[in-house]
Amino acid sequence: MDESMLIRPMRPDDWPAVAAIYQEGIATEHATFQTACPPYSAWDASHIKECRLVILAPDGQIAGWAVLSRVNMRWCYRGVAEVSIYVGERYRGRGYGYHLLTALCREAEQAGYWTLQSTVLQDNEASHRLHTKCGFREVGRRERIARDCHGRWLDTWLMERRCPADEPPGYKKL
């Protein structure tokens, strides 16, 4: 990793920068089906408290963020989470996403997650390449799963990364 990049845990006071980057992703119409950024309280409640990371550019600005969400609340799925990763427009294509997603995967394993999944919209080739580079594989395509804001049906790729060990370091046994 470029020594000028710093990855650290996300803090609540990072929300304005995180929300601005999220809004940039929404505006691309390739990153999410969301049409508006929620308030912090709603966003916070819908994401796992651990494994929330930001990556800082050399100027100290937040260049991107990555978090996890529960896939299912049942105990048997406690080690499965969905990835959200966003990189600010001016930082895209410079390696921030790769370093951030790599760090998130490492932290998720340390926290006991054995499967990470990500939903990639059909037109987001950069995200598909990023996930593939970080060890995710395509496990399915969901055809005509949702409509974009223009009414066009879109497909998504379901991508998955499995922890190499049967029991990641932070695995919680019954």
Protein backbone atom coordinates (compact mmCIF):
# COMPACT_ATOMS: atom_id res chain seq x y z
CA MET A 1 0.00 0.00 0.00
CA ASP A 2 1.17 3.51 -0.78
CA GLU A 3 2.49 4.88 2.52
CA SER A 4 0.57 8.11 1.93
CA MET A 5 -2.73 6.15 2.21
CA LEU A 6 -4.00 5.52 5.71
CA ILE A 7 -6.83 3.13 6.59
CA ARG A 8 -8.51 3.56 9.96
CA PRO A 9 -11.81 2.72 11.66
CA MET A 10 -14.73 4.92 10.66
CA ARG A 11 -15.97 7.33 13.34
CA PRO A 12 -19.40 8.96 13.64
CA ASP A 13 -17.83 12.35 12.91
CA ASP A 14 -16.75 10.98 9.51
CA TRP A 15 -20.40 10.91 8.43
CA PRO A 16 -20.43 14.15 6.39
CA ALA A 17 -17.55 12.91 4.20
CA VAL A 18 -18.93 9.36 4.07
CA ALA A 19 -22.36 10.66 3.07
CA ALA A 20 -20.86 12.90 0.37
CA ILE A 21 -19.01 9.93 -1.15
CA TYR A 22 -22.16 7.81 -0.91
CA GLN A 23 -24.10 10.55 -2.70
CA GLU A 24 -21.47 10.55 -5.47
CA GLY A 25 -22.00 6.79 -5.83
CA ILE A 26 -25.76 7.24 -5.96
CA ALA A 27 -25.34 9.88 -8.69
CA THR A 28 -23.44 7.42 -10.95
CA GLU A 29 -26.51 5.15 -11.06
CA HIS A 30 -24.02 2.24 -11.19
CA ALA A 31 -23.25 1.76 -7.51
CA THR A 32 -26.59 1.27 -5.76
CA PHE A 33 -30.33 1.24 -6.32
CA GLN A 34 -30.66 3.83 -3.54
CA THR A 35 -31.82 7.21 -4.79
CA ALA A 36 -31.00 9.25 -1.68
CA CYS A 37 -28.54 9.10 1.16
CA PRO A 38 -30.28 8.25 4.44
CA PRO A 39 -29.71 10.16 7.66
CA TYR A 40 -26.85 8.89 9.81
CA SER A 41 -29.15 7.23 12.37
CA ALA A 42 -30.79 5.03 9.71
CA TRP A 43 -27.48 4.24 8.01
CA ASP A 44 -25.81 3.43 11.34
CA ALA A 45 -28.64 1.09 12.38
CA SER A 46 -28.41 -0.88 9.13
CA HIS A 47 -24.67 -1.64 9.26
CA ILE A 48 -22.53 -3.82 11.51
CA LYS A 49 -20.72 -1.74 14.14
CA GLU A 50 -17.39 -3.53 13.64
CA CYS A 51 -15.46 -3.57 10.38
CA ARG A 52 -16.22 0.02 9.36
CA LEU A 53 -13.23 1.53 7.60
CA VAL A 54 -12.24 4.73 5.84
CA ILE A 55 -9.19 5.35 3.70
CA LEU A 56 -7.49 8.72 3.82
CA ALA A 57 -5.75 10.43 0.92
CA PRO A 58 -2.35 12.10 1.45
CA ASP A 59 -4.13 15.40 2.15
CA GLY A 60 -6.03 13.79 5.05
CA GLN A 61 -9.37 13.77 3.24
CA ILE A 62 -11.53 10.65 3.34
CA ALA A 63 -11.10 9.05 -0.09
CA GLY A 64 -13.42 6.09 0.46
CA TRP A 65 -15.18 3.88 2.94
CA ALA A 66 -16.20 0.25 3.38
CA VAL A 67 -18.61 -1.43 5.79
CA LEU A 68 -20.51 -4.66 6.36
CA SER A 69 -24.21 -5.43 6.74
CA ARG A 70 -25.83 -8.55 8.11
CA VAL A 71 -27.22 -10.88 5.46
CA ASN A 72 -29.47 -12.74 7.87
CA MET A 73 -30.04 -12.37 11.61
CA ARG A 74 -30.22 -16.14 12.26
CA TRP A 75 -27.32 -17.53 14.31
CA CYS A 76 -26.22 -19.98 11.60
CA TYR A 77 -25.44 -17.01 9.31
CA ARG A 78 -23.47 -15.03 11.91
CA GLY A 79 -20.32 -15.27 9.79
CA VAL A 80 -21.88 -14.02 6.55
CA ALA A 81 -21.98 -10.32 5.71
CA GLU A 82 -22.55 -8.06 2.72
CA VAL A 83 -19.90 -5.55 1.66
CA SER A 84 -20.52 -1.91 0.79
CA ILE A 85 -17.54 -0.03 -0.61
CA TYR A 86 -17.44 3.46 -2.09
CA VAL A 87 -14.54 5.56 -3.35
CA GLY A 88 -14.85 9.29 -3.91
CA GLU A 89 -15.04 10.41 -7.51
CA ARG A 90 -11.67 12.18 -7.55
CA TYR A 91 -9.90 9.16 -6.04
CA ARG A 92 -11.25 6.43 -8.34
CA GLY A 93 -8.81 4.39 -10.39
CA ARG A 94 -5.87 5.07 -8.06
CA GLY A 95 -5.82 1.91 -5.91
CA TYR A 96 -7.84 3.20 -2.98
CA GLY A 97 -10.61 0.67 -3.50
CA TYR A 98 -8.21 -2.26 -3.67
CA HIS A 99 -6.41 -1.32 -0.45
CA LEU A 100 -9.67 -0.58 1.33
CA LEU A 101 -11.43 -3.80 0.28
CA THR A 102 -8.33 -5.86 1.10
CA ALA A 103 -8.23 -4.32 4.59
CA LEU A 104 -11.97 -4.89 5.08
CA CYS A 105 -11.62 -8.57 4.12
CA ARG A 106 -8.72 -8.99 6.55
CA GLU A 107 -10.61 -7.26 9.37
CA ALA A 108 -13.77 -9.27 8.65
CA GLU A 109 -11.83 -12.53 8.99
CA GLN A 110 -10.33 -11.35 12.27
CA ALA A 111 -13.88 -10.63 13.46
CA GLY A 112 -15.04 -14.16 12.53
CA TYR A 113 -16.77 -13.64 9.19
CA TRP A 114 -16.28 -16.61 6.88
CA THR A 115 -18.21 -15.37 3.85
CA LEU A 116 -18.42 -11.89 2.40
CA GLN A 117 -20.82 -11.20 -0.41
CA SER A 118 -21.33 -8.21 -2.61
CA THR A 119 -24.02 -7.23 -5.07
CA VAL A 120 -22.56 -5.53 -8.13
CA LEU A 121 -24.84 -3.75 -10.59
CA GLN A 122 -24.51 -4.91 -14.19
CA ASP A 123 -23.03 -1.63 -15.45
CA ASN A 124 -20.39 -1.29 -12.73
CA GLU A 125 -17.44 -2.95 -14.45
CA ALA A 126 -14.91 -1.23 -12.17
CA SER A 127 -16.54 -2.71 -9.06
CA HIS A 128 -16.70 -6.14 -10.68
CA ARG A 129 -12.96 -5.96 -11.48
CA LEU A 130 -12.15 -4.72 -7.97
CA HIS A 131 -14.03 -7.54 -6.27
CA THR A 132 -12.46 -10.13 -8.57
CA LYS A 133 -8.97 -8.73 -7.84
CA CYS A 134 -9.69 -9.04 -4.10
CA GLY A 135 -10.65 -12.73 -4.31
CA PHE A 136 -14.41 -12.53 -4.87
CA ARG A 137 -15.99 -14.84 -7.44
CA GLU A 138 -19.28 -14.69 -9.26
CA VAL A 139 -21.79 -17.06 -7.71
CA GLY A 140 -24.85 -15.89 -9.58
CA ARG A 141 -26.61 -13.35 -11.68
CA ARG A 142 -29.94 -11.94 -10.61
CA GLU A 143 -31.79 -10.95 -13.75
CA ARG A 144 -34.18 -8.02 -13.81
CA ILE A 145 -33.90 -7.73 -10.02
CA ALA A 146 -34.73 -4.03 -9.80
CA ARG A 147 -35.48 -0.98 -11.87
CA ASP A 148 -33.23 2.03 -11.97
CA CYS A 149 -34.58 5.56 -11.52
CA HIS A 150 -35.34 5.68 -15.26
CA GLY A 151 -37.50 2.55 -15.13
CA ARG A 152 -34.92 0.31 -16.85
CA TRP A 153 -34.65 -3.25 -15.55
CA LEU A 154 -31.19 -4.10 -14.24
CA ASP A 155 -29.33 -7.28 -13.41
CA THR A 156 -26.84 -7.71 -10.61
CA TRP A 157 -23.94 -10.04 -10.06
CA LEU A 158 -23.75 -11.76 -6.69
CA MET A 159 -20.08 -12.05 -5.78
CA GLU A 160 -18.66 -13.97 -2.85
CA ARG A 161 -15.38 -14.30 -1.01
CA ARG A 162 -14.82 -17.19 1.36
CA CYS A 163 -12.31 -17.12 4.19
CA PRO A 164 -9.47 -19.50 3.32
CA ALA A 165 -9.68 -21.15 6.76
CA ASP A 166 -12.69 -23.21 7.82
CA GLU A 167 -12.76 -21.21 11.03
CA PRO A 168 -11.50 -17.62 10.72
CA PRO A 169 -9.52 -16.25 13.69
CA GLY A 170 -12.52 -14.50 15.23
CA TYR A 171 -14.95 -17.41 14.69
CA LYS A 172 -17.52 -17.74 17.48
CA LYS A 173 -18.49 -21.32 18.22
CA LEU A 174 -21.88 -22.21 19.66
